[in-house]
């Protein structure tokens, strides 16, 4: 074995003093006389660090094991989609009058307790990107009828639930990924439909324009700020926001103009003191927490993990702590 050098300070002074007499060195073994190549040291350190890194990852993974939503039975089921006239407890496909000659549509649900003479808070929801599927069986079609958050948040009572589409560049069909057409991704056709839909629902079905909540999943979570705070005319519509899985400005590699951090911060300024409920599968909510701690310290944010591993808005159809907290937050938000 290699002989270890003494760290005795007095010995070091003796060795470095001019003219000092050094004691003879003891003979070394054959192994001591063979000096290892520096590369061997490097490889040894890398192997050691690799072992520790792997152990840390395993320990971290064990501490972040999140259940699948399939382990918790749903206690809510989104009503089937129909083409009937809107009515209490019905979920129907509709199109605004100005778009009736196009392929554009939205989905409207009037609560079970809906009455024509009453005013109701409105949940406006945007879906995730279409064509999504993962190894857990989570899917997203990108269509308005695939949305679930609003129904789970309200349990089908006390709120009008409006699922809006993203429009293509011409404004005559749905955009199933992002908004507009690549590469420009013009959001204005989507925003125009949004503003007119909110006004129409409030006018025709008793929506309370002072209690409109924007919510979205994945693409829709990014849309909370990208669309909801895109401009002053749109930003003033909302009383609060629910962003599930992703957040505008946290990632800057998405394929649309305005994804950069400076643009996201400009949109965020339109939020003001209004509240946002921010949730995410596994521990992804922490990325948004860190971003907003720097971008808007002191903002009115509530951060809650869903408690599941799934990238799937069906978690809100199940009894869980995240849903309980979300409903409490929502009821407080829309209280007169």
Protein backbone atom coordinates (compact mmCIF):
# COMPACT_ATOMS: atom_id res chain seq x y z
CA UNK A 1 0.00 0.00 0.00
CA UNK A 2 1.07 3.56 -0.55
CA UNK A 3 2.65 5.12 2.53
CA UNK A 4 0.66 8.12 3.73
CA UNK A 5 2.53 11.32 4.25
CA UNK A 6 2.51 12.80 7.74
CA UNK A 7 0.67 16.07 8.29
CA UNK A 8 2.68 16.98 11.38
CA UNK A 9 3.37 20.78 11.11
CA UNK A 10 6.74 20.44 12.84
CA UNK A 11 7.85 17.88 10.25
CA UNK A 12 6.81 20.22 7.42
CA UNK A 13 8.90 23.03 8.90
CA UNK A 14 11.91 20.69 9.15
CA UNK A 15 11.59 19.64 5.54
CA UNK A 16 11.36 23.16 4.23
CA UNK A 17 14.20 24.68 6.28
CA UNK A 18 17.46 25.18 4.34
CA UNK A 19 20.30 22.98 5.53
CA UNK A 20 18.07 20.78 7.63
CA UNK A 21 19.17 17.19 8.03
CA UNK A 22 16.43 14.81 6.87
CA UNK A 23 16.11 11.34 8.33
CA UNK A 24 16.63 8.51 5.83
CA UNK A 25 13.48 7.28 4.12
CA UNK A 26 12.40 3.73 4.85
CA UNK A 27 12.52 1.37 1.89
CA UNK A 28 9.32 1.18 -0.10
CA UNK A 29 7.57 -1.90 -1.28
CA UNK A 30 7.29 -2.74 -4.94
CA UNK A 31 3.72 -1.45 -4.94
CA UNK A 32 4.87 1.82 -3.40
CA UNK A 33 7.49 2.24 -6.13
CA UNK A 34 4.88 1.94 -8.89
CA UNK A 35 3.33 5.39 -9.32
CA UNK A 36 -0.26 5.10 -10.58
CA UNK A 37 -1.13 6.92 -13.78
CA UNK A 38 -3.18 10.13 -13.18
CA UNK A 39 -5.95 8.69 -15.32
CA UNK A 40 -6.41 5.93 -12.78
CA UNK A 41 -7.05 8.55 -10.09
CA UNK A 42 -9.59 10.29 -12.29
CA UNK A 43 -11.43 7.08 -13.11
CA UNK A 44 -11.51 6.12 -9.45
CA UNK A 45 -13.00 9.44 -8.45
CA UNK A 46 -15.58 9.29 -11.23
CA UNK A 47 -16.62 5.80 -10.21
CA UNK A 48 -16.96 6.88 -6.60
CA UNK A 49 -18.96 9.97 -7.50
CA UNK A 50 -21.10 7.90 -9.85
CA UNK A 51 -21.98 5.49 -7.08
CA UNK A 52 -22.97 8.32 -4.75
CA UNK A 53 -24.94 10.07 -7.48
CA UNK A 54 -26.81 6.88 -8.30
CA UNK A 55 -27.61 6.30 -4.62
CA UNK A 56 -28.83 9.88 -4.29
CA UNK A 57 -31.08 9.44 -7.31
CA UNK A 58 -32.51 6.22 -5.91
CA UNK A 59 -33.14 7.78 -2.51
CA UNK A 60 -34.68 10.85 -4.15
CA UNK A 61 -36.88 8.70 -6.37
CA UNK A 62 -38.08 6.72 -3.34
CA UNK A 63 -38.99 9.93 -1.52
CA UNK A 64 -40.87 11.23 -4.56
CA UNK A 65 -42.97 8.20 -5.39
CA UNK A 66 -46.37 9.54 -6.35
CA UNK A 67 -49.45 7.31 -6.80
CA UNK A 68 -51.31 6.86 -10.05
CA UNK A 69 -54.80 8.36 -10.24
CA UNK A 70 -56.14 4.87 -10.92
CA UNK A 71 -55.49 4.02 -7.27
CA UNK A 72 -58.22 6.46 -6.16
CA UNK A 73 -61.73 5.76 -7.50
CA UNK A 74 -63.43 8.75 -9.09
CA UNK A 75 -66.46 10.14 -7.29
CA UNK A 76 -67.46 12.37 -10.20
CA UNK A 77 -68.14 11.66 -13.87
CA UNK A 78 -68.22 14.41 -16.48
CA UNK A 79 -71.69 14.46 -18.08
CA UNK A 80 -71.92 13.20 -21.67
CA UNK A 81 -71.70 15.71 -24.48
CA UNK A 82 -74.93 16.42 -26.37
CA UNK A 83 -76.36 18.72 -29.04
CA UNK A 84 -79.50 19.71 -27.14
CA UNK A 85 -80.34 23.22 -26.09
CA UNK A 86 -78.52 24.32 -22.90
CA UNK A 87 -80.28 23.45 -19.67
CA UNK A 88 -79.57 22.59 -16.03
CA UNK A 89 -77.09 19.75 -15.73
CA UNK A 90 -76.54 19.50 -19.50
CA UNK A 91 -73.19 19.65 -21.28
CA UNK A 92 -73.64 20.78 -24.86
CA UNK A 93 -71.66 21.71 -27.94
CA UNK A 94 -72.19 25.27 -29.12
CA UNK A 95 -70.85 27.88 -31.51
CA UNK A 96 -71.01 31.65 -31.20
CA UNK A 97 -73.29 33.26 -33.82
CA UNK A 98 -70.46 34.90 -35.76
CA UNK A 99 -68.67 31.52 -36.21
CA UNK A 100 -71.61 29.32 -37.18
CA UNK A 101 -70.37 28.92 -40.75
CA UNK A 102 -67.03 27.57 -39.51
CA UNK A 103 -65.77 24.42 -37.77
CA UNK A 104 -65.26 26.32 -34.51
CA UNK A 105 -67.19 25.34 -31.37
CA UNK A 106 -67.06 25.44 -27.57
CA UNK A 107 -68.63 23.34 -24.83
CA UNK A 108 -71.08 24.81 -22.32
CA UNK A 109 -72.32 23.30 -19.07
CA UNK A 110 -75.06 24.92 -17.00
CA UNK A 111 -75.07 23.82 -13.35
CA UNK A 112 -77.68 21.48 -11.95
CA UNK A 113 -79.10 24.35 -9.90
CA UNK A 114 -79.22 26.77 -12.85
CA UNK A 115 -82.17 29.18 -13.00
CA UNK A 116 -82.64 31.87 -15.68
CA UNK A 117 -83.12 34.71 -13.21
CA UNK A 118 -79.96 34.04 -11.20
CA UNK A 119 -76.33 35.07 -11.73
CA UNK A 120 -73.55 32.49 -11.58
CA UNK A 121 -69.78 32.61 -11.43
CA UNK A 122 -68.16 31.29 -14.60
CA UNK A 123 -65.24 28.88 -14.99
CA UNK A 124 -63.54 29.32 -18.38
CA UNK A 125 -61.30 26.37 -19.23
CA UNK A 126 -58.67 25.65 -21.87
CA UNK A 127 -57.42 22.15 -22.71
CA UNK A 128 -53.92 20.73 -23.11
CA UNK A 129 -52.18 20.05 -26.42
CA UNK A 130 -53.67 17.36 -28.63
CA UNK A 131 -51.88 14.18 -29.60
CA UNK A 132 -50.39 13.70 -26.14
CA UNK A 133 -49.94 10.26 -24.58
CA UNK A 134 -47.53 8.97 -21.94
CA UNK A 135 -46.54 5.67 -20.35
CA UNK A 136 -49.10 6.09 -17.56
CA UNK A 137 -51.96 6.06 -20.08
CA UNK A 138 -52.59 9.81 -19.82
CA UNK A 139 -53.90 11.36 -23.03
CA UNK A 140 -54.97 14.77 -24.26
CA UNK A 141 -56.99 15.37 -27.43
CA UNK A 142 -56.63 19.15 -27.42
CA UNK A 143 -60.38 19.58 -27.89
CA UNK A 144 -62.75 21.51 -25.59
CA UNK A 145 -64.78 18.40 -24.76
CA UNK A 146 -61.71 16.72 -23.25
CA UNK A 147 -61.52 19.18 -20.36
CA UNK A 148 -62.37 18.14 -16.82
CA UNK A 149 -61.05 20.73 -14.37
CA UNK A 150 -64.13 22.92 -14.20
CA UNK A 151 -66.45 20.03 -13.43
CA UNK A 152 -64.23 18.70 -10.67
CA UNK A 153 -63.79 22.16 -9.19
CA UNK A 154 -67.53 22.79 -9.00
CA UNK A 155 -68.96 19.25 -8.77
CA UNK A 156 -71.46 20.43 -11.36
CA UNK A 157 -73.19 22.94 -9.09
CA UNK A 158 -73.13 26.68 -8.59
CA UNK A 159 -70.88 27.51 -11.57
CA UNK A 160 -71.33 27.88 -15.30
CA UNK A 161 -68.55 25.89 -16.96
CA UNK A 162 -67.33 27.07 -20.36
CA UNK A 163 -64.65 25.11 -22.27
CA UNK A 164 -63.21 27.27 -25.03
CA UNK A 165 -61.22 26.35 -28.15
CA UNK A 166 -57.91 27.53 -29.49
CA UNK A 167 -58.34 28.75 -33.08
CA UNK A 168 -56.12 28.44 -36.13
CA UNK A 169 -54.68 31.47 -37.87
CA UNK A 170 -57.74 31.98 -40.07
CA UNK A 171 -60.09 31.69 -37.10
CA UNK A 172 -62.28 29.10 -38.84
CA UNK A 173 -61.15 25.84 -37.20
CA UNK A 174 -59.68 24.47 -33.99
CA UNK A 175 -55.95 24.48 -33.29
CA UNK A 176 -55.21 21.21 -31.48
CA UNK A 177 -51.66 22.21 -30.56
CA UNK A 178 -50.88 25.66 -29.15
CA UNK A 179 -52.80 28.41 -30.99
CA UNK A 180 -52.78 29.85 -34.48
CA UNK A 181 -50.64 28.29 -37.21
CA UNK A 182 -46.89 27.64 -37.11
CA UNK A 183 -44.55 29.42 -37.13
CA UNK A 184 -46.39 32.70 -36.38
CA UNK A 185 -48.81 31.16 -33.84
CA UNK A 186 -51.06 34.22 -33.97
CA UNK A 187 -53.16 34.19 -30.80
CA UNK A 188 -55.57 36.95 -31.82
CA UNK A 189 -58.29 34.69 -33.37
CA UNK A 190 -58.31 32.65 -30.14
CA UNK A 191 -58.45 35.79 -28.00
CA UNK A 192 -61.27 37.30 -30.03
CA UNK A 193 -63.40 34.17 -29.61
CA UNK A 194 -62.59 34.14 -25.89
CA UNK A 195 -63.66 37.73 -25.25
CA UNK A 196 -66.88 37.36 -27.25
CA UNK A 197 -67.72 34.01 -25.65
CA UNK A 198 -67.38 35.34 -22.11
CA UNK A 199 -69.59 38.33 -22.93
CA UNK A 200 -72.18 36.11 -24.67
CA UNK A 201 -72.38 33.54 -21.87
CA UNK A 202 -72.82 36.28 -19.28
CA UNK A 203 -75.52 37.95 -21.37
CA UNK A 204 -77.43 34.85 -22.45
CA UNK A 205 -77.08 32.47 -19.49
CA UNK A 206 -76.68 34.58 -16.38
CA UNK A 207 -72.92 34.52 -16.02
CA UNK A 208 -71.56 37.05 -13.55
CA UNK A 209 -68.96 39.11 -15.40
CA UNK A 210 -67.35 40.09 -12.11
CA UNK A 211 -66.73 36.45 -11.13
CA UNK A 212 -65.07 34.80 -14.11
CA UNK A 213 -62.20 32.38 -13.42
CA UNK A 214 -59.64 31.28 -16.00
CA UNK A 215 -58.34 27.72 -15.66
CA UNK A 216 -56.32 25.39 -17.84
CA UNK A 217 -54.38 22.15 -18.05
CA UNK A 218 -50.87 21.92 -19.55
CA UNK A 219 -51.13 24.11 -22.68
CA UNK A 220 -54.09 25.67 -20.88
CA UNK A 221 -51.99 26.32 -17.78
CA UNK A 222 -49.51 28.26 -19.90
CA UNK A 223 -52.49 29.98 -21.51
CA UNK A 224 -53.56 31.36 -18.12
CA UNK A 225 -50.96 34.08 -18.59
CA UNK A 226 -50.09 33.83 -22.28
CA UNK A 227 -53.73 34.24 -23.35
CA UNK A 228 -55.42 35.41 -20.16
CA UNK A 229 -52.93 38.24 -19.61
CA UNK A 230 -52.03 38.72 -23.26
CA UNK A 231 -53.45 42.24 -23.48
CA UNK A 232 -55.36 44.69 -21.31
CA UNK A 233 -58.76 43.93 -22.87
CA UNK A 234 -58.44 40.21 -22.13
CA UNK A 235 -56.67 40.54 -18.79
CA UNK A 236 -59.50 42.55 -17.22
CA UNK A 237 -61.99 39.66 -17.66
CA UNK A 238 -60.65 37.47 -14.87
CA UNK A 239 -61.11 37.38 -11.12
CA UNK A 240 -58.49 34.65 -10.65
CA UNK A 241 -56.63 31.82 -12.34
CA UNK A 242 -56.07 28.08 -11.91
CA UNK A 243 -52.97 26.76 -13.69
CA UNK A 244 -52.50 22.99 -13.62
CA UNK A 245 -49.18 21.61 -14.93
CA UNK A 246 -46.84 24.21 -16.48
CA UNK A 247 -46.68 27.97 -16.23
CA UNK A 248 -45.93 30.78 -18.65
CA UNK A 249 -42.27 31.83 -18.39
CA UNK A 250 -40.89 28.82 -16.51
CA UNK A 251 -39.72 27.14 -19.72
CA UNK A 252 -38.60 29.13 -22.73
CA UNK A 253 -38.22 26.42 -25.38
CA UNK A 254 -41.87 26.12 -26.45
CA UNK A 255 -42.40 26.66 -30.22
CA UNK A 256 -44.19 29.99 -30.40
CA UNK A 257 -43.20 33.67 -30.46
CA UNK A 258 -43.33 35.45 -27.11
CA UNK A 259 -42.08 32.42 -25.16
CA UNK A 260 -39.04 34.35 -23.92
CA UNK A 261 -38.72 35.36 -20.28
CA UNK A 262 -39.01 39.11 -20.91
CA UNK A 263 -42.34 38.69 -22.72
CA UNK A 264 -43.64 36.40 -19.98
CA UNK A 265 -42.74 38.95 -17.32
CA UNK A 266 -44.54 41.69 -19.25
CA UNK A 267 -47.69 39.56 -19.27
CA UNK A 268 -47.30 38.71 -15.59
CA UNK A 269 -47.39 42.41 -14.68
CA UNK A 270 -51.03 42.50 -15.81
CA UNK A 271 -51.92 40.04 -13.05
CA UNK A 272 -51.58 42.64 -10.32
CA UNK A 273 -52.83 41.45 -6.93
CA UNK A 274 -55.25 38.87 -8.31
CA UNK A 275 -54.81 35.30 -7.02
CA UNK A 276 -53.57 32.24 -8.85
CA UNK A 277 -53.90 28.63 -7.74
CA UNK A 278 -50.92 26.74 -9.19
CA UNK A 279 -50.79 22.95 -9.13
CA UNK A 280 -48.73 20.27 -10.81
CA UNK A 281 -48.21 16.52 -10.85
CA UNK A 282 -45.35 15.11 -8.71
CA UNK A 283 -43.12 17.93 -7.43
CA UNK A 284 -43.21 20.07 -10.58
CA UNK A 285 -44.94 22.89 -8.72
CA UNK A 286 -41.59 23.76 -7.15
CA UNK A 287 -40.20 24.97 -10.51
CA UNK A 288 -43.00 27.52 -10.73
CA UNK A 289 -42.59 28.49 -7.09
CA UNK A 290 -38.91 29.29 -7.66
CA UNK A 291 -39.66 31.23 -10.83
CA UNK A 292 -42.34 33.39 -9.22
CA UNK A 293 -40.30 34.00 -6.08
CA UNK A 294 -37.96 35.94 -8.34
CA UNK A 295 -40.41 37.21 -10.96
CA UNK A 296 -43.15 38.46 -8.59
CA UNK A 297 -42.15 38.22 -4.94
CA UNK A 298 -45.13 38.79 -2.70
CA UNK A 299 -47.60 37.76 -5.42
CA UNK A 300 -50.93 36.20 -4.49
CA UNK A 301 -50.01 32.60 -5.32
CA UNK A 302 -51.11 29.28 -3.86
CA UNK A 303 -48.91 26.27 -4.71
CA UNK A 304 -50.29 22.75 -4.31
CA UNK A 305 -49.06 19.43 -5.75
CA UNK A 306 -51.89 17.26 -7.04
CA UNK A 307 -50.54 14.28 -5.12
CA UNK A 308 -50.40 12.12 -8.26
CA UNK A 309 -47.81 11.26 -10.88
CA UNK A 310 -50.16 11.72 -13.83
CA UNK A 311 -50.21 14.50 -16.39
CA UNK A 312 -53.96 14.22 -16.48
CA UNK A 313 -56.73 16.60 -15.38
CA UNK A 314 -58.88 13.64 -14.26
CA UNK A 315 -57.24 13.91 -10.83
CA UNK A 316 -59.82 16.56 -9.98
CA UNK A 317 -62.62 13.99 -10.35
CA UNK A 318 -61.23 12.14 -7.31
CA UNK A 319 -61.37 12.90 -3.59
CA UNK A 320 -57.94 14.22 -2.62
CA UNK A 321 -56.35 16.96 -0.59
CA UNK A 322 -55.48 19.03 -3.66
CA UNK A 323 -59.11 19.12 -4.79
CA UNK A 324 -60.31 20.04 -1.30
CA UNK A 325 -57.87 22.94 -1.19
CA UNK A 326 -58.75 24.01 -4.71
CA UNK A 327 -62.48 24.12 -3.94
CA UNK A 328 -61.89 26.11 -0.76
CA UNK A 329 -59.73 28.57 -2.69
CA UNK A 330 -62.35 28.85 -5.46
CA UNK A 331 -65.29 29.41 -3.10
CA UNK A 332 -63.38 32.14 -1.31
CA UNK A 333 -62.45 33.74 -4.61
CA UNK A 334 -66.03 34.05 -5.91
CA UNK A 335 -67.67 34.94 -2.62
CA UNK A 336 -69.61 38.21 -3.00
